[in-house]
N, C-alpha and C. Protein backbone atom coordinates (compact mmCIF):
# COMPACT_ATOMS: atom_id res chain seq x y z
N MET A 1 0.91 -1.20 0.21
CA MET A 1 -0.01 0.07 0.20
C MET A 1 1.02 1.24 -0.12
N GLN A 2 1.92 1.43 0.98
CA GLN A 2 2.64 2.55 0.74
C GLN A 2 3.39 2.50 -0.58
N ALA A 3 3.89 1.49 -0.96
CA ALA A 3 4.50 1.80 -2.45
C ALA A 3 3.53 2.36 -3.45
N ALA A 4 2.23 1.90 -3.49
CA ALA A 4 1.41 2.86 -4.39
C ALA A 4 0.97 3.89 -3.99
N LYS A 5 1.10 4.60 -3.03
CA LYS A 5 1.00 5.91 -2.66
C LYS A 5 2.11 6.39 -2.83
N MET A 6 3.35 6.16 -2.80
CA MET A 6 4.52 6.73 -2.93
C MET A 6 4.64 6.89 -4.71
N GLU A 7 4.13 6.07 -5.36
CA GLU A 7 4.21 6.11 -6.74
C GLU A 7 3.19 7.44 -7.21
N GLU A 8 1.96 7.31 -6.63
CA GLU A 8 1.05 8.49 -6.64
C GLU A 8 1.65 9.86 -6.48
N LEU A 9 2.27 10.10 -5.40
CA LEU A 9 3.01 11.21 -4.89
C LEU A 9 4.26 11.53 -5.96
N LYS A 10 5.04 10.58 -6.38
CA LYS A 10 5.83 10.71 -7.29
C LYS A 10 5.39 11.25 -8.54
N GLN A 11 4.41 10.72 -9.24
CA GLN A 11 4.11 11.20 -10.28
C GLN A 11 3.57 12.52 -10.26
N GLY A 12 2.77 13.15 -9.55
CA GLY A 12 2.32 14.28 -9.19
C GLY A 12 3.49 15.23 -8.76
N SER A 13 4.38 15.23 -7.67
CA SER A 13 5.51 16.03 -7.72
C SER A 13 6.25 16.45 -8.97
N ASN A 14 6.45 15.54 -10.01
CA ASN A 14 7.04 16.14 -11.01
C ASN A 14 6.55 17.20 -11.94
N LYS A 15 5.27 17.23 -11.54
CA LYS A 15 4.24 18.38 -12.45
C LYS A 15 3.97 19.58 -11.69
N VAL A 16 4.67 19.66 -10.43
CA VAL A 16 4.28 20.80 -9.58
C VAL A 16 5.21 21.99 -9.88
N PRO A 17 4.73 23.25 -10.63
CA PRO A 17 5.64 24.46 -11.12
C PRO A 17 6.02 24.78 -9.67
N GLY A 18 7.36 25.56 -9.94
CA GLY A 18 8.05 26.03 -9.09
C GLY A 18 8.97 25.09 -8.12
N PHE A 19 8.82 23.79 -8.31
CA PHE A 19 9.66 22.85 -7.40
C PHE A 19 10.79 22.55 -8.12
N ALA A 20 11.29 22.76 -9.46
CA ALA A 20 12.25 22.46 -10.08
C ALA A 20 13.64 22.65 -9.53
N ASN A 21 14.01 23.34 -8.55
CA ASN A 21 15.20 23.43 -7.98
C ASN A 21 15.18 22.65 -6.81
N LEU A 22 14.13 21.94 -6.45
CA LEU A 22 14.22 21.15 -5.27
C LEU A 22 14.38 19.82 -5.75
N SER A 23 15.46 19.08 -5.33
CA SER A 23 15.52 17.72 -6.08
C SER A 23 15.10 16.80 -4.96
N PHE A 24 14.85 16.82 -3.46
CA PHE A 24 14.40 15.88 -2.80
C PHE A 24 13.34 16.08 -2.07
N ASP A 25 12.37 15.18 -2.11
CA ASP A 25 11.04 15.17 -1.29
C ASP A 25 11.21 14.43 -0.08
N ILE A 26 10.52 14.86 1.01
CA ILE A 26 10.58 14.45 2.13
C ILE A 26 9.04 13.49 2.63
N PHE A 27 8.95 12.51 2.85
CA PHE A 27 7.81 12.16 3.38
C PHE A 27 7.85 11.40 4.85
N LYS A 28 6.78 11.32 5.65
CA LYS A 28 6.82 11.02 7.04
C LYS A 28 5.93 9.69 6.43
N VAL A 29 6.46 8.56 7.03
CA VAL A 29 5.71 7.30 6.90
C VAL A 29 4.68 7.05 8.18
N GLU A 30 3.21 6.94 8.12
CA GLU A 30 2.31 6.80 9.04
C GLU A 30 1.56 5.39 8.79
N ALA A 31 0.72 5.01 9.90
CA ALA A 31 0.10 3.82 9.63
C ALA A 31 -0.75 3.66 8.35
N GLU A 32 -1.50 4.83 7.81
CA GLU A 32 -2.22 4.83 6.55
C GLU A 32 -1.28 5.24 5.19
N GLY A 33 -0.25 5.27 5.51
CA GLY A 33 0.80 5.41 4.08
C GLY A 33 1.73 6.65 4.56
N VAL A 34 2.03 7.11 3.57
CA VAL A 34 3.15 8.27 3.58
C VAL A 34 2.50 9.45 3.05
N VAL A 35 3.19 10.46 3.95
CA VAL A 35 2.47 12.01 3.83
C VAL A 35 3.60 12.88 3.42
N TRP A 36 3.41 13.30 2.45
CA TRP A 36 4.60 14.50 1.92
C TRP A 36 4.60 15.47 2.97
N ARG A 37 5.84 16.05 3.32
CA ARG A 37 6.27 16.94 4.58
C ARG A 37 7.21 18.11 3.96
N GLY A 38 7.67 17.90 2.74
CA GLY A 38 8.23 19.04 1.99
C GLY A 38 9.35 18.73 1.15
N THR A 39 10.16 19.76 0.75
CA THR A 39 11.26 19.46 -0.36
C THR A 39 12.51 19.93 0.11
N ALA A 40 13.35 19.82 -0.38
CA ALA A 40 14.67 20.34 -0.18
C ALA A 40 15.69 20.43 -1.30
N ALA A 41 16.62 21.27 -1.29
CA ALA A 41 17.47 21.60 -2.63
C ALA A 41 18.76 20.53 -2.50
N SER A 42 18.91 20.19 -1.45
CA SER A 42 20.12 19.18 -1.20
C SER A 42 19.80 18.15 -0.23
N LEU A 43 20.73 17.19 -0.15
CA LEU A 43 20.67 15.88 0.60
C LEU A 43 20.63 16.39 2.13
N GLU A 44 21.52 17.47 2.25
CA GLU A 44 22.09 18.03 3.64
C GLU A 44 20.61 18.61 4.00
N ASP A 45 20.22 19.57 3.28
CA ASP A 45 18.87 20.32 3.70
C ASP A 45 18.08 18.90 3.93
N ALA A 46 17.56 18.04 3.17
CA ALA A 46 16.82 17.11 3.70
C ALA A 46 17.04 16.72 4.98
N ASN A 47 18.21 16.18 5.19
CA ASN A 47 18.56 15.66 6.42
C ASN A 47 18.18 16.62 7.71
N ARG A 48 18.52 17.99 7.34
CA ARG A 48 18.16 18.78 8.54
C ARG A 48 16.97 18.95 8.86
N ARG A 49 15.98 19.05 7.57
CA ARG A 49 14.44 18.92 7.85
C ARG A 49 14.03 17.83 8.70
N ILE A 50 14.50 16.82 8.18
CA ILE A 50 14.13 15.59 8.96
C ILE A 50 14.40 15.62 10.41
N GLN A 51 15.53 16.07 10.70
CA GLN A 51 15.77 16.40 12.25
C GLN A 51 14.74 17.17 12.98
N GLU A 52 14.42 18.42 12.25
CA GLU A 52 13.49 19.39 12.56
C GLU A 52 12.15 18.41 12.98
N LEU A 53 11.73 18.10 11.85
CA LEU A 53 10.38 17.29 11.87
C LEU A 53 10.55 16.35 12.78
N ALA A 54 11.46 15.55 13.15
CA ALA A 54 11.44 14.16 13.78
C ALA A 54 11.53 14.79 15.67
N SER A 55 11.98 15.95 15.76
CA SER A 55 12.01 16.70 17.11
C SER A 55 10.60 17.02 17.44
N GLU A 56 9.74 17.21 16.94
CA GLU A 56 8.28 17.15 16.81
C GLU A 56 7.58 16.04 16.96
N SER A 57 7.89 15.14 15.99
CA SER A 57 7.19 14.02 15.43
C SER A 57 7.82 12.79 15.13
N PRO A 58 8.66 11.77 16.29
CA PRO A 58 9.39 11.17 15.95
C PRO A 58 8.65 9.95 14.96
N ALA A 59 9.42 9.50 14.07
CA ALA A 59 8.78 8.57 12.93
C ALA A 59 9.96 8.15 11.92
N GLU A 60 9.39 7.10 10.98
CA GLU A 60 10.34 6.92 10.01
C GLU A 60 9.92 7.76 8.73
N TYR A 61 10.84 8.42 8.13
CA TYR A 61 10.99 9.24 7.30
C TYR A 61 11.66 8.92 5.85
N ILE A 62 10.86 9.26 4.72
CA ILE A 62 11.63 8.79 3.36
C ILE A 62 12.07 9.88 2.62
N VAL A 63 13.47 9.88 1.99
CA VAL A 63 13.71 10.89 1.17
C VAL A 63 13.86 10.28 -0.17
N TRP A 64 13.14 11.08 -1.07
CA TRP A 64 12.95 10.61 -2.41
C TRP A 64 13.69 11.53 -3.11
N ASN A 65 14.71 10.92 -4.08
CA ASN A 65 15.62 12.00 -4.92
C ASN A 65 14.99 11.83 -6.29
N ARG A 66 14.42 12.83 -6.60
CA ARG A 66 13.81 13.15 -7.77
C ARG A 66 14.41 12.73 -9.24
N GLN A 67 15.67 13.17 -9.05
CA GLN A 67 16.83 13.01 -10.20
C GLN A 67 17.14 11.56 -10.28
N THR A 68 17.46 10.61 -9.45
CA THR A 68 17.70 9.32 -9.52
C THR A 68 16.38 8.37 -9.21
N GLY A 69 15.43 8.85 -8.72
CA GLY A 69 14.40 8.04 -8.33
C GLY A 69 14.55 7.26 -6.94
N ASP A 70 15.70 7.13 -6.63
CA ASP A 70 16.09 6.58 -5.17
C ASP A 70 15.06 7.06 -4.14
N LYS A 71 14.87 6.18 -3.39
CA LYS A 71 14.05 6.42 -2.05
C LYS A 71 14.89 5.66 -1.07
N HIS A 72 15.07 6.16 0.20
CA HIS A 72 15.85 5.89 1.05
C HIS A 72 14.79 6.21 2.44
N ALA A 73 14.89 5.27 3.36
CA ALA A 73 13.97 5.46 4.81
C ALA A 73 14.97 5.98 5.69
N VAL A 74 14.67 6.70 6.53
CA VAL A 74 15.36 7.35 7.68
C VAL A 74 14.70 7.39 8.95
N LYS A 75 15.20 6.53 9.80
CA LYS A 75 14.67 6.39 11.24
C LYS A 75 14.83 7.82 12.05
N SER A 76 14.01 8.58 12.60
CA SER A 76 14.31 9.69 13.31
C SER A 76 15.00 9.23 14.51
N GLY A 77 16.00 10.23 14.82
CA GLY A 77 16.78 9.87 16.29
C GLY A 77 18.18 8.98 15.70
N ASP A 78 18.05 8.52 14.89
CA ASP A 78 19.13 7.65 14.49
C ASP A 78 20.39 8.32 13.46
N ARG A 79 20.98 9.39 13.97
CA ARG A 79 21.70 10.24 13.31
C ARG A 79 23.13 9.17 12.41
N ARG A 80 23.37 8.29 12.86
CA ARG A 80 24.63 7.65 12.40
C ARG A 80 23.50 6.85 10.94
N ASP A 81 22.70 6.36 11.06
CA ASP A 81 21.92 5.63 9.95
C ASP A 81 21.42 6.56 8.90
N MET A 82 21.21 7.83 9.58
CA MET A 82 21.04 8.72 8.35
C MET A 82 22.17 9.21 7.52
N GLN A 83 23.26 9.24 8.14
CA GLN A 83 24.65 9.57 7.45
C GLN A 83 24.77 8.51 6.76
N GLU A 84 24.53 7.00 6.84
CA GLU A 84 25.26 5.96 5.94
C GLU A 84 24.11 6.14 4.81
N ARG A 85 22.81 6.27 5.12
CA ARG A 85 21.90 6.31 4.11
C ARG A 85 21.66 7.59 3.25
N SER A 86 22.68 8.78 3.85
CA SER A 86 22.62 9.74 2.83
C SER A 86 23.76 9.41 1.77
N GLU A 87 24.63 8.66 2.44
CA GLU A 87 25.95 8.32 1.34
C GLU A 87 25.06 7.66 0.28
N ASN A 88 24.17 6.46 0.51
CA ASN A 88 23.96 5.87 -0.79
C ASN A 88 22.98 6.87 -1.63
N ILE A 89 22.34 7.68 -1.43
CA ILE A 89 21.38 8.29 -1.88
C ILE A 89 21.94 9.50 -2.82
N SER A 90 23.16 10.00 -2.68
CA SER A 90 23.74 11.06 -3.47
C SER A 90 24.57 10.63 -4.56
């Protein structure tokens, strides 16, 4: 179910005007599926935004790279895991 919703969001994201310079989408994983939480121009910006979001709402987040199509899960509060996954996304 989550994969289907991610695919729907991916298709919609590419058609939104004004997002051309923002290469990374950030999603929060919830019981009902994924919820779009914003965009970032760089992986570093995405990681910072996830830290901000996680401080208010700990959860698993997904960073989707629009240029490559790669998706990586990031568990909030696990900075080492975030860095390891970040190396795989760039």
